Amino acid sequence: MVEDLYSVLGVSRSADQKEIRRAYREKARKFHPDVNKTPGAEETFKRISEAHDVLSDPETRSQYDRFGENFRQYAAADAARSSEQPRRSGGTRYTWSGGGAQSVNWEDLFGGGFGGFGRGADHTAELEITVEEAYRGGRRTVQVASPYGGAQEYTIDIPAGAVDGQRLRIAGAGGAGADGQDGDLLVTLRVKDSKRYRLSGADIETDLPISPWEAALGADVSVPTPGGPVTVHVPPGSSTGRRLRLRGQGMPRRGQPGDLYARVKVVVPRTLSKKEKELFEQLRDVSSFDARRGS
């Protein structure tokens, strides 16, 4: 009778993923054929690897719990895949040929190489955030594909004033370490410009739509910023492209925060009432201004 996969790893059927990983590490070190030369060690190691591949993936574990040892025959989604090769997070973790084991990536398995059995390897990932998220900070829940099967969910605390390329560390979320100390997950933040805001270092730039009469006569207008609306004075005679500086309204920084630049964008009405059209015609008739002179 084939031994139950939970018994192979020496864990209960209610074991969580950390228990399964821990049990796998211990037994893999003990029975790997490069280390253990006793008869049967290779077959035992193969069975340990198979147990880990099945139980570390939530999907295949669920199928195994439901159907038992012959779960691949009953799970249609796995039948085609298993006819080609064993699973390893969607494919097998180890492959075998003839009577001996092929080489195993010990660094991937233990994080520090075969000789050291040390700390697990650090894993890396990238997280794309908006300028608003970088400004305010906050929490994001992300899923990261696990080399041990399935995906792991992590909650990441984004600091206020986060910068593009900044790395956040999640301790113990990396590769398994043979001595029990797992590696870390290093998440690199990528700040993406939004429709409203563009980032340049610690400075933020945004467009400020104004009317022709506000541009000509000047006006105090409200500018949306990631920290809330701020009133800015538009000087008389402002044209599209003029930048108005709001000191300290950029990205939070220790010591000196960045600035926010509101780029003036003159917007004309798409349609005019009869009265508005008459007034614009009067302005045309009395004005000597030539927008193309000197351009």
C-alpha atoms as a PDB file:
ATOM      1  CA  MET A   1       0.000   0.000   0.000  1.00  0.00           C
ATOM      2  CA  VAL A   2       1.351   3.409  -0.981  1.00  0.00           C
ATOM      3  CA  GLU A   3       2.176   5.608   2.001  1.00  0.00           C
ATOM      4  CA  ASP A   4      -0.011   8.703   2.447  1.00  0.00           C
ATOM      5  CA  LEU A   5       1.768  11.912   1.349  1.00  0.00           C
ATOM      6  CA  TYR A   6       1.125  13.603   4.684  1.00  0.00           C
ATOM      7  CA  SER A   7       2.776  10.652   6.404  1.00  0.00           C
ATOM      8  CA  VAL A   8       5.720  10.884   4.000  1.00  0.00           C
ATOM      9  CA  LEU A   9       6.430  14.407   5.278  1.00  0.00           C
ATOM     10  CA  GLY A  10       5.412  13.545   8.826  1.00  0.00           C
ATOM     11  CA  VAL A  11       2.736  16.244   9.103  1.00  0.00           C
ATOM     12  CA  SER A  12      -0.961  16.186   9.924  1.00  0.00           C
ATOM     13  CA  ARG A  13      -3.653  16.724   7.296  1.00  0.00           C
ATOM     14  CA  SER A  14      -4.365  20.124   8.878  1.00  0.00           C
ATOM     15  CA  ALA A  15      -0.751  21.310   8.543  1.00  0.00           C
ATOM     16  CA  ASP A  16      -0.270  24.802   7.123  1.00  0.00           C
ATOM     17  CA  GLN A  17       2.205  25.735   4.391  1.00  0.00           C
ATOM     18  CA  LYS A  18       4.955  26.691   6.848  1.00  0.00           C
ATOM     19  CA  GLU A  19       4.770  23.277   8.517  1.00  0.00           C
ATOM     20  CA  ILE A  20       4.899  21.545   5.145  1.00  0.00           C
ATOM     21  CA  ARG A  21       7.902  23.592   4.035  1.00  0.00           C
ATOM     22  CA  ARG A  22       9.709  22.980   7.341  1.00  0.00           C
ATOM     23  CA  ALA A  23       9.109  19.228   7.193  1.00  0.00           C
ATOM     24  CA  TYR A  24      10.224  19.094   3.571  1.00  0.00           C
ATOM     25  CA  ARG A  25      13.476  20.930   4.335  1.00  0.00           C
ATOM     26  CA  GLU A  26      14.370  18.578   7.150  1.00  0.00           C
ATOM     27  CA  LYS A  27      13.673  15.386   5.212  1.00  0.00           C
ATOM     28  CA  ALA A  28      15.219  16.637   1.958  1.00  0.00           C
ATOM     29  CA  ARG A  29      18.489  17.312   3.763  1.00  0.00           C
ATOM     30  CA  LYS A  30      18.428  13.895   5.378  1.00  0.00           C
ATOM     31  CA  PHE A  31      17.575  11.724   2.360  1.00  0.00           C
ATOM     32  CA  HIS A  32      19.051  13.493  -0.661  1.00  0.00           C
ATOM     33  CA  PRO A  33      21.111  10.857  -2.532  1.00  0.00           C
ATOM     34  CA  ASP A  34      24.120  13.178  -2.784  1.00  0.00           C
ATOM     35  CA  VAL A  35      24.247  13.114   1.012  1.00  0.00           C
ATOM     36  CA  ASN A  36      22.658   9.809   2.003  1.00  0.00           C
ATOM     37  CA  LYS A  37      24.214   6.759   0.315  1.00  0.00           C
ATOM     38  CA  THR A  38      22.149   4.131   2.121  1.00  0.00           C
ATOM     39  CA  PRO A  39      19.954   1.832  -0.017  1.00  0.00           C
ATOM     40  CA  GLY A  40      16.509   3.293  -0.589  1.00  0.00           C
ATOM     41  CA  ALA A  41      17.508   6.902   0.157  1.00  0.00           C
ATOM     42  CA  GLU A  42      16.935   7.940  -3.452  1.00  0.00           C
ATOM     43  CA  GLU A  43      13.447   6.436  -3.582  1.00  0.00           C
ATOM     44  CA  THR A  44      12.609   8.034  -0.256  1.00  0.00           C
ATOM     45  CA  PHE A  45      13.818  11.399  -1.506  1.00  0.00           C
ATOM     46  CA  LYS A  46      11.736  11.058  -4.656  1.00  0.00           C
ATOM     47  CA  ARG A  47       8.665  10.358  -2.552  1.00  0.00           C
ATOM     48  CA  ILE A  48       9.433  13.331  -0.280  1.00  0.00           C
ATOM     49  CA  SER A  49       9.755  15.598  -3.350  1.00  0.00           C
ATOM     50  CA  GLU A  50       6.478  14.311  -4.757  1.00  0.00           C
ATOM     51  CA  ALA A  51       4.715  14.878  -1.439  1.00  0.00           C
ATOM     52  CA  HIS A  52       6.008  18.441  -1.273  1.00  0.00           C
ATOM     53  CA  ASP A  53       5.036  19.193  -4.876  1.00  0.00           C
ATOM     54  CA  VAL A  54       1.485  18.038  -4.285  1.00  0.00           C
ATOM     55  CA  LEU A  55       0.877  19.442  -0.801  1.00  0.00           C
ATOM     56  CA  SER A  56       2.594  22.816  -1.297  1.00  0.00           C
ATOM     57  CA  ASP A  57       0.193  23.738  -4.114  1.00  0.00           C
ATOM     58  CA  PRO A  58      -3.298  24.563  -2.738  1.00  0.00           C
ATOM     59  CA  GLU A  59      -4.970  23.299  -5.928  1.00  0.00           C
ATOM     60  CA  THR A  60      -3.303  19.889  -6.063  1.00  0.00           C
ATOM     61  CA  ARG A  61      -3.526  19.516  -2.295  1.00  0.00           C
ATOM     62  CA  SER A  62      -7.288  20.010  -2.486  1.00  0.00           C
ATOM     63  CA  GLN A  63      -7.506  17.421  -5.256  1.00  0.00           C
ATOM     64  CA  TYR A  64      -5.378  14.956  -3.277  1.00  0.00           C
ATOM     65  CA  ASP A  65      -7.507  15.456  -0.156  1.00  0.00           C
ATOM     66  CA  ARG A  66     -10.626  14.732  -2.192  1.00  0.00           C
ATOM     67  CA  PHE A  67      -9.527  11.856  -4.402  1.00  0.00           C
ATOM     68  CA  GLY A  68      -6.474  10.378  -2.675  1.00  0.00           C
ATOM     69  CA  GLU A  69      -3.457   8.844  -4.390  1.00  0.00           C
ATOM     70  CA  ASN A  70      -5.186   8.631  -7.784  1.00  0.00           C
ATOM     71  CA  PHE A  71      -6.271  12.277  -7.786  1.00  0.00           C
ATOM     72  CA  ARG A  72      -4.616  12.962 -11.168  1.00  0.00           C
ATOM     73  CA  GLN A  73      -6.919  10.481 -12.833  1.00  0.00           C
ATOM     74  CA  TYR A  74      -9.999  12.239 -11.507  1.00  0.00           C
ATOM     75  CA  ALA A  75      -8.946  15.881 -11.833  1.00  0.00           C
ATOM     76  CA  ALA A  76      -9.337  16.770 -15.511  1.00  0.00           C
ATOM     77  CA  ALA A  77      -7.362  19.950 -15.142  1.00  0.00           C
ATOM     78  CA  ASP A  78      -4.319  17.996 -13.999  1.00  0.00           C
ATOM     79  CA  ALA A  79      -4.710  14.938 -16.223  1.00  0.00           C
ATOM     80  CA  ALA A  80      -3.272  16.507 -19.384  1.00  0.00           C
ATOM     81  CA  ARG A  81      -0.461  18.173 -17.517  1.00  0.00           C
ATOM     82  CA  SER A  82       0.503  15.072 -15.537  1.00  0.00           C
ATOM     83  CA  SER A  83       0.601  13.003 -18.743  1.00  0.00           C
ATOM     84  CA  GLU A  84       3.546  15.137 -19.852  1.00  0.00           C
ATOM     85  CA  GLN A  85       5.489  15.593 -16.619  1.00  0.00           C
ATOM     86  CA  PRO A  86       5.113  15.666 -12.826  1.00  0.00           C
ATOM     87  CA  ARG A  87       4.153  18.952 -11.160  1.00  0.00           C
ATOM     88  CA  ARG A  88       6.547  21.574  -9.967  1.00  0.00           C
ATOM     89  CA  SER A  89       4.472  24.597  -9.206  1.00  0.00           C
ATOM     90  CA  GLY A  90       2.870  23.770 -12.540  1.00  0.00           C
ATOM     91  CA  GLY A  91       5.807  21.404 -13.389  1.00  0.00           C
ATOM     92  CA  THR A  92       7.973  19.038 -11.315  1.00  0.00           C
ATOM     93  CA  ARG A  93      10.515  20.309  -8.838  1.00  0.00           C
ATOM     94  CA  TYR A  94      12.944  17.478  -9.589  1.00  0.00           C
ATOM     95  CA  THR A  95      13.357  15.138 -12.548  1.00  0.00           C
ATOM     96  CA  TRP A  96      14.845  11.658 -12.594  1.00  0.00           C
ATOM     97  CA  SER A  97      16.222   9.329 -15.242  1.00  0.00           C
ATOM     98  CA  GLY A  98      17.515   5.791 -15.065  1.00  0.00           C
ATOM     99  CA  GLY A  99      18.570   4.794 -11.587  1.00  0.00           C
ATOM    100  CA  GLY A 100      20.166   8.020 -10.390  1.00  0.00           C
ATOM    101  CA  ALA A 101      19.058  11.508  -9.501  1.00  0.00           C
ATOM    102  CA  GLN A 102      19.894  14.393 -11.757  1.00  0.00           C
ATOM    103  CA  SER A 103      21.588  17.446 -10.248  1.00  0.00           C
ATOM    104  CA  VAL A 104      19.476  19.519  -7.856  1.00  0.00           C
ATOM    105  CA  ASN A 105      19.682  23.297  -7.499  1.00  0.00           C
ATOM    106  CA  TRP A 106      20.660  23.415  -3.846  1.00  0.00           C
ATOM    107  CA  GLU A 107      20.736  27.213  -3.832  1.00  0.00           C
ATOM    108  CA  ASP A 108      17.106  27.255  -4.947  1.00  0.00           C
ATOM    109  CA  LEU A 109      16.250  24.612  -2.367  1.00  0.00           C
ATOM    110  CA  PHE A 110      18.194  25.875   0.639  1.00  0.00           C
ATOM    111  CA  GLY A 111      19.194  29.416  -0.323  1.00  0.00           C
ATOM    112  CA  GLY A 112      22.837  29.213   0.644  1.00  0.00           C
ATOM    113  CA  GLY A 113      24.363  26.412  -1.379  1.00  0.00           C
ATOM    114  CA  PHE A 114      24.805  22.751  -0.462  1.00  0.00           C
ATOM    115  CA  GLY A 115      27.886  23.254   1.683  1.00  0.00           C
ATOM    116  CA  GLY A 116      26.548  26.005   3.936  1.00  0.00           C
ATOM    117  CA  PHE A 117      22.931  24.982   4.616  1.00  0.00           C
ATOM    118  CA  GLY A 118      22.494  28.636   5.549  1.00  0.00           C
ATOM    119  CA  ARG A 119      19.961  31.395   5.255  1.00  0.00           C
ATOM    120  CA  GLY A 120      17.350  31.159   2.504  1.00  0.00           C
ATOM    121  CA  ALA A 121      17.711  33.189  -0.689  1.00  0.00           C
ATOM    122  CA  ASP A 122      16.026  36.573  -0.996  1.00  0.00           C
ATOM    123  CA  HIS A 123      13.240  36.763  -3.580  1.00  0.00           C
ATOM    124  CA  THR A 124      12.370  39.931  -5.512  1.00  0.00           C
ATOM    125  CA  ALA A 125       9.189  41.458  -6.887  1.00  0.00           C
ATOM    126  CA  GLU A 126       7.987  44.813  -8.231  1.00  0.00           C
ATOM    127  CA  LEU A 127       4.899  46.773  -7.177  1.00  0.00           C
ATOM    128  CA  GLU A 128       3.459  49.574  -9.321  1.00  0.00           C
ATOM    129  CA  ILE A 129       1.891  52.460  -7.381  1.00  0.00           C
ATOM    130  CA  THR A 130       0.420  55.836  -8.356  1.00  0.00           C
ATOM    131  CA  VAL A 131       1.812  59.248  -7.434  1.00  0.00           C
ATOM    132  CA  GLU A 132      -1.083  59.630  -5.000  1.00  0.00           C
ATOM    133  CA  GLU A 133      -0.195  56.351  -3.265  1.00  0.00           C
ATOM    134  CA  ALA A 134       3.464  57.338  -3.123  1.00  0.00           C
ATOM    135  CA  TYR A 135       2.521  60.709  -1.591  1.00  0.00           C
ATOM    136  CA  ARG A 136       0.094  59.447   1.059  1.00  0.00           C
ATOM    137  CA  GLY A 137       1.526  56.010   1.710  1.00  0.00           C
ATOM    138  CA  GLY A 138      -0.749  53.240   2.915  1.00  0.00           C
ATOM    139  CA  ARG A 139      -1.242  49.516   2.696  1.00  0.00           C
ATOM    140  CA  ARG A 140      -1.436  47.268  -0.342  1.00  0.00           C
ATOM    141  CA  THR A 141      -2.221  43.562  -0.428  1.00  0.00           C
ATOM    142  CA  VAL A 142      -0.346  41.751  -3.172  1.00  0.00           C
ATOM    143  CA  GLN A 143      -0.022  38.173  -4.358  1.00  0.00           C
ATOM    144  CA  VAL A 144       3.408  36.847  -5.233  1.00  0.00           C
ATOM    145  CA  ALA A 145       3.943  33.561  -7.062  1.00  0.00           C
ATOM    146  CA  SER A 146       5.734  31.115  -4.794  1.00  0.00           C
ATOM    147  CA  PRO A 147       8.516  28.841  -6.110  1.00  0.00           C
ATOM    148  CA  TYR A 148       7.058  26.195  -3.805  1.00  0.00           C
ATOM    149  CA  GLY A 149       3.685  26.213  -5.566  1.00  0.00           C
ATOM    150  CA  GLY A 150       0.639  28.465  -5.667  1.00  0.00           C
ATOM    151  CA  ALA A 151       0.809  32.096  -4.563  1.00  0.00           C
ATOM    152  CA  GLN A 152       1.394  33.830  -1.250  1.00  0.00           C
ATOM    153  CA  GLU A 153      -0.483  36.948  -0.159  1.00  0.00           C
ATOM    154  CA  TYR A 154       1.342  39.739   1.671  1.00  0.00           C
ATOM    155  CA  THR A 155       0.326  43.098   3.109  1.00  0.00           C
ATOM    156  CA  ILE A 156       2.857  45.829   2.286  1.00  0.00           C
ATOM    157  CA  ASP A 157       3.148  49.116   4.180  1.00  0.00           C
ATOM    158  CA  ILE A 158       4.046  51.861   1.688  1.00  0.00           C
ATOM    159  CA  PRO A 159       5.707  54.808   3.450  1.00  0.00           C
ATOM    160  CA  ALA A 160       4.486  58.335   2.758  1.00  0.00           C
ATOM    161  CA  GLY A 161       6.835  59.978   0.278  1.00  0.00           C
ATOM    162  CA  ALA A 162       7.911  56.699  -1.323  1.00  0.00           C
ATOM    163  CA  VAL A 163      10.242  57.096  -4.300  1.00  0.00           C
ATOM    164  CA  ASP A 164      10.574  55.148  -7.526  1.00  0.00           C
ATOM    165  CA  GLY A 165      13.043  52.302  -7.070  1.00  0.00           C
ATOM    166  CA  GLN A 166      12.655  52.189  -3.279  1.00  0.00           C
ATOM    167  CA  ARG A 167      12.882  48.682  -1.848  1.00  0.00           C
ATOM    168  CA  LEU A 168      10.660  47.344   0.898  1.00  0.00           C
ATOM    169  CA  ARG A 169      11.633  44.209   2.803  1.00  0.00           C
ATOM    170  CA  ILE A 170       9.225  41.518   4.023  1.00  0.00           C
ATOM    171  CA  ALA A 171      11.220  39.389   6.448  1.00  0.00           C
ATOM    172  CA  GLY A 172      10.970  35.634   6.085  1.00  0.00           C
ATOM    173  CA  ALA A 173       8.960  35.681   2.849  1.00  0.00           C
ATOM    174  CA  GLY A 174      11.808  34.527   0.609  1.00  0.00           C
ATOM    175  CA  GLY A 175      13.430  31.160  -0.021  1.00  0.00           C
ATOM    176  CA  ALA A 176      13.513  28.432   2.585  1.00  0.00           C
ATOM    177  CA  GLY A 177      16.673  28.227   4.659  1.00  0.00           C
ATOM    178  CA  ALA A 178      17.986  24.878   5.779  1.00  0.00           C
ATOM    179  CA  ASP A 179      18.829  26.214   9.226  1.00  0.00           C
ATOM    180  CA  GLY A 180      15.286  27.543   9.675  1.00  0.00           C
ATOM    181  CA  GLN A 181      16.073  31.147   8.689  1.00  0.00           C
ATOM    182  CA  ASP A 182      14.140  31.925   5.522  1.00  0.00           C
ATOM    183  CA  GLY A 183      15.196  34.651   3.124  1.00  0.00           C
ATOM    184  CA  ASP A 184      13.308  37.893   2.626  1.00  0.00           C
ATOM    185  CA  LEU A 185      11.027  39.208  -0.106  1.00  0.00           C
ATOM    186  CA  LEU A 186      12.389  42.467  -1.553  1.00  0.00           C
ATOM    187  CA  VAL A 187       9.660  44.547  -3.212  1.00  0.00           C
ATOM    188  CA  THR A 188      10.799  47.361  -5.524  1.00  0.00           C
ATOM    189  CA  LEU A 189       8.310  50.220  -5.837  1.00  0.00           C
ATOM    190  CA  ARG A 190       7.620  51.662  -9.293  1.00  0.00           C
ATOM    191  CA  VAL A 191       5.841  55.018  -9.167  1.00  0.00           C
ATOM    192  CA  LYS A 192       3.635  55.487 -12.228  1.00  0.00           C
ATOM    193  CA  ASP A 193       2.376  58.868 -13.409  1.00  0.00           C
ATOM    194  CA  SER A 194      -1.396  59.228 -13.158  1.00  0.00           C
ATOM    195  CA  LYS A 195      -3.759  61.160 -15.399  1.00  0.00           C
ATOM    196  CA  ARG A 196      -3.542  64.092 -13.006  1.00  0.00           C
ATOM    197  CA  TYR A 197       0.011  64.040 -11.648  1.00  0.00           C
ATOM    198  CA  ARG A 198       3.513  63.627 -13.062  1.00  0.00           C
ATOM    199  CA  LEU A 199       6.511  63.020 -10.832  1.00  0.00           C
ATOM    200  CA  SER A 200      10.024  64.418 -11.261  1.00  0.00           C
ATOM    201  CA  GLY A 201      12.219  63.548  -8.312  1.00  0.00           C
ATOM    202  CA  ALA A 202      10.500  65.074  -5.283  1.00  0.00           C
ATOM    203  CA  ASP A 203       8.503  67.540  -7.420  1.00  0.00           C
ATOM    204  CA  ILE A 204       4.990  66.981  -8.764  1.00  0.00           C
ATOM    205  CA  GLU A 205       3.561  68.581 -11.892  1.00  0.00           C
ATOM    206  CA  THR A 206      -0.115  68.925 -12.769  1.00  0.00           C
ATOM    207  CA  ASP A 207      -2.122  70.723 -15.450  1.00  0.00           C
ATOM    208  CA  LEU A 208      -4.215  73.728 -14.396  1.00  0.00           C
ATOM    209  CA  PRO A 209      -7.070  74.456 -16.837  1.00  0.00           C
ATOM    210  CA  ILE A 210      -8.160  78.118 -16.801  1.00  0.00           C
ATOM    211  CA  SER A 211     -10.525  80.214 -18.897  1.00  0.00           C
ATOM    212  CA  PRO A 212      -9.380  82.875 -21.384  1.00  0.00           C
ATOM    213  CA  TRP A 213     -10.561  85.695 -19.095  1.00  0.00           C
ATOM    214  CA  GLU A 214      -8.769  84.193 -16.082  1.00  0.00           C
ATOM    215  CA  ALA A 215      -5.619  83.981 -18.181  1.00  0.00           C
ATOM    216  CA  ALA A 216      -5.973  87.585 -19.377  1.00  0.00           C
ATOM    217  CA  LEU A 217      -7.173  89.246 -16.171  1.00  0.00           C
ATOM    218  CA  GLY A 218      -5.606  87.002 -13.545  1.00  0.00           C
ATOM    219  CA  ALA A 219      -7.499  85.044 -10.909  1.00  0.00           C
ATOM    220  CA  ASP A 220      -7.200  83.027  -7.723  1.00  0.00           C
ATOM    221  CA  VAL A 221      -8.054  79.407  -8.552  1.00  0.00           C
ATOM    222  CA  SER A 222      -8.074  76.102  -6.687  1.00  0.00           C
ATOM    223  CA  VAL A 223      -5.432  73.512  -7.606  1.00  0.00           C
ATOM    224  CA  PRO A 224      -5.932  69.837  -6.644  1.00  0.00           C
ATOM    225  CA  THR A 225      -2.858  68.355  -4.934  1.00  0.00           C
ATOM    226  CA  PRO A 226      -2.321  64.876  -3.443  1.00  0.00           C
ATOM    227  CA  GLY A 227      -2.576  66.508  -0.039  1.00  0.00           C
ATOM    228  CA  GLY A 228      -5.802  68.403  -0.819  1.00  0.00           C
ATOM    229  CA  PRO A 229      -6.855  71.515  -2.791  1.00  0.00           C
ATOM    230  CA  VAL A 230      -4.641  74.610  -2.582  1.00  0.00           C
ATOM    231  CA  THR A 231      -5.428  78.116  -3.894  1.00  0.00           C
ATOM    232  CA  VAL A 232      -2.935  79.644  -6.308  1.00  0.00           C
ATOM    233  CA  HIS A 233      -2.845  83.120  -7.900  1.00  0.00           C
ATOM    234  CA  VAL A 234      -2.760  83.124 -11.697  1.00  0.00           C
ATOM    235  CA  PRO A 235      -1.017  86.363 -12.767  1.00  0.00           C
ATOM    236  CA  PRO A 236      -2.661  88.483 -15.491  1.00  0.00           C
ATOM    237  CA  GLY A 237      -1.448  87.656 -18.984  1.00  0.00           C
ATOM    238  CA  SER A 238      -0.720  83.978 -18.279  1.00  0.00           C
ATOM    239  CA  SER A 239      -0.458  81.744 -21.371  1.00  0.00           C
ATOM    240  CA  THR A 240      -0.592  77.980 -21.745  1.00  0.00           C
ATOM    241  CA  GLY A 241       2.625  76.393 -20.496  1.00  0.00           C
ATOM    242  CA  ARG A 242       3.323  78.880 -17.731  1.00  0.00           C
ATOM    243  CA  ARG A 243       4.340  77.077 -14.520  1.00  0.00           C
ATOM    244  CA  LEU A 244       3.114  78.252 -11.150  1.00  0.00           C
ATOM    245  CA  ARG A 245       5.127  77.014  -8.184  1.00  0.00           C
ATOM    246  CA  LEU A 246       3.517  75.843  -4.950  1.00  0.00           C
ATOM    247  CA  ARG A 247       6.329  75.472  -2.443  1.00  0.00           C
ATOM    248  CA  GLY A 248       6.308  72.423  -0.219  1.00  0.00           C
ATOM    249  CA  GLN A 249       3.303  70.848  -1.936  1.00  0.00           C
ATOM    250  CA  GLY A 250       5.345  68.122  -3.647  1.00  0.00           C
ATOM    251  CA  MET A 251       6.434  64.764  -2.262  1.00  0.00           C
ATOM    252  CA  PRO A 252       7.052  64.542   1.489  1.00  0.00           C
ATOM    253  CA  ARG A 253      10.751  64.307   2.250  1.00  0.00           C
ATOM    254  CA  ARG A 254      12.782  64.432   5.424  1.00  0.00           C
ATOM    255  CA  GLY A 255      13.947  67.983   5.833  1.00  0.00           C
ATOM    256  CA  GLN A 256      12.760  69.653   2.624  1.00  0.00           C
ATOM    257  CA  PRO A 257       9.612  68.460   0.807  1.00  0.00           C
ATOM    258  CA  GLY A 258       9.346  68.839  -2.938  1.00  0.00           C
ATOM    259  CA  ASP A 259       7.304  71.471  -4.762  1.00  0.00           C
ATOM    260  CA  LEU A 260       4.200  71.233  -6.915  1.00  0.00           C
ATOM    261  CA  TYR A 261       4.124  72.960 -10.294  1.00  0.00           C
ATOM    262  CA  ALA A 262       0.758  73.847 -11.821  1.00  0.00           C
ATOM    263  CA  ARG A 263       1.160  74.181 -15.590  1.00  0.00           C
ATOM    264  CA  VAL A 264      -1.350  76.667 -17.016  1.00  0.00           C
ATOM    265  CA  LYS A 265      -3.593  75.346 -19.776  1.00  0.00           C
ATOM    266  CA  VAL A 266      -5.938  77.909 -21.336  1.00  0.00           C
ATOM    267  CA  VAL A 267      -9.219  76.287 -22.295  1.00  0.00           C
ATOM    268  CA  VAL A 268     -11.840  77.976 -24.499  1.00  0.00           C
ATOM    269  CA  PRO A 269     -15.570  77.158 -24.436  1.00  0.00           C
ATOM    270  CA  ARG A 270     -16.636  74.582 -27.009  1.00  0.00           C
ATOM    271  CA  THR A 271     -19.916  76.404 -27.562  1.00  0.00           C
ATOM    272  CA  LEU A 272     -20.820  80.055 -27.017  1.00  0.00           C
ATOM    273  CA  SER A 273     -24.079  81.677 -26.107  1.00  0.00           C
ATOM    274  CA  LYS A 274     -25.273  84.552 -28.264  1.00  0.00           C
ATOM    275  CA  LYS A 275     -24.092  87.085 -25.681  1.00  0.00           C
ATOM    276  CA  GLU A 276     -20.682  85.417 -25.263  1.00  0.00           C
ATOM    277  CA  LYS A 277     -20.169  85.396 -29.001  1.00  0.00           C
ATOM    278  CA  GLU A 278     -20.999  89.112 -29.207  1.00  0.00           C
ATOM    279  CA  LEU A 279     -18.503  89.923 -26.446  1.00  0.00           C
ATOM    280  CA  PHE A 280     -15.731  87.923 -28.100  1.00  0.00           C
ATOM    281  CA  GLU A 281     -16.449  89.670 -31.373  1.00  0.00           C
ATOM    282  CA  GLN A 282     -16.226  93.049 -29.634  1.00  0.00           C
ATOM    283  CA  LEU A 283     -12.885  92.011 -28.093  1.00  0.00           C
ATOM    284  CA  ARG A 284     -11.632  90.974 -31.522  1.00  0.00           C
ATOM    285  CA  ASP A 285     -12.635  94.283 -33.034  1.00  0.00           C
ATOM    286  CA  VAL A 286     -11.057  96.485 -30.349  1.00  0.00           C
ATOM    287  CA  SER A 287      -7.920  94.468 -29.534  1.00  0.00           C
ATOM    288  CA  SER A 288      -4.587  95.009 -31.285  1.00  0.00           C
ATOM    289  CA  PHE A 289      -3.124  91.805 -29.837  1.00  0.00           C
ATOM    290  CA  ASP A 290      -1.559  89.426 -32.395  1.00  0.00           C
ATOM    291  CA  ALA A 291      -0.934  85.982 -30.928  1.00  0.00           C
ATOM    292  CA  ARG A 292       1.463  85.072 -33.755  1.00  0.00           C
ATOM    293  CA  ARG A 293       3.575  88.182 -33.697  1.00  0.00           C
ATOM    294  CA  GLY A 294       7.171  87.366 -32.814  1.00  0.00           C
ATOM    295  CA  SER A 295       6.547  83.623 -32.752  1.00  0.00           C
END
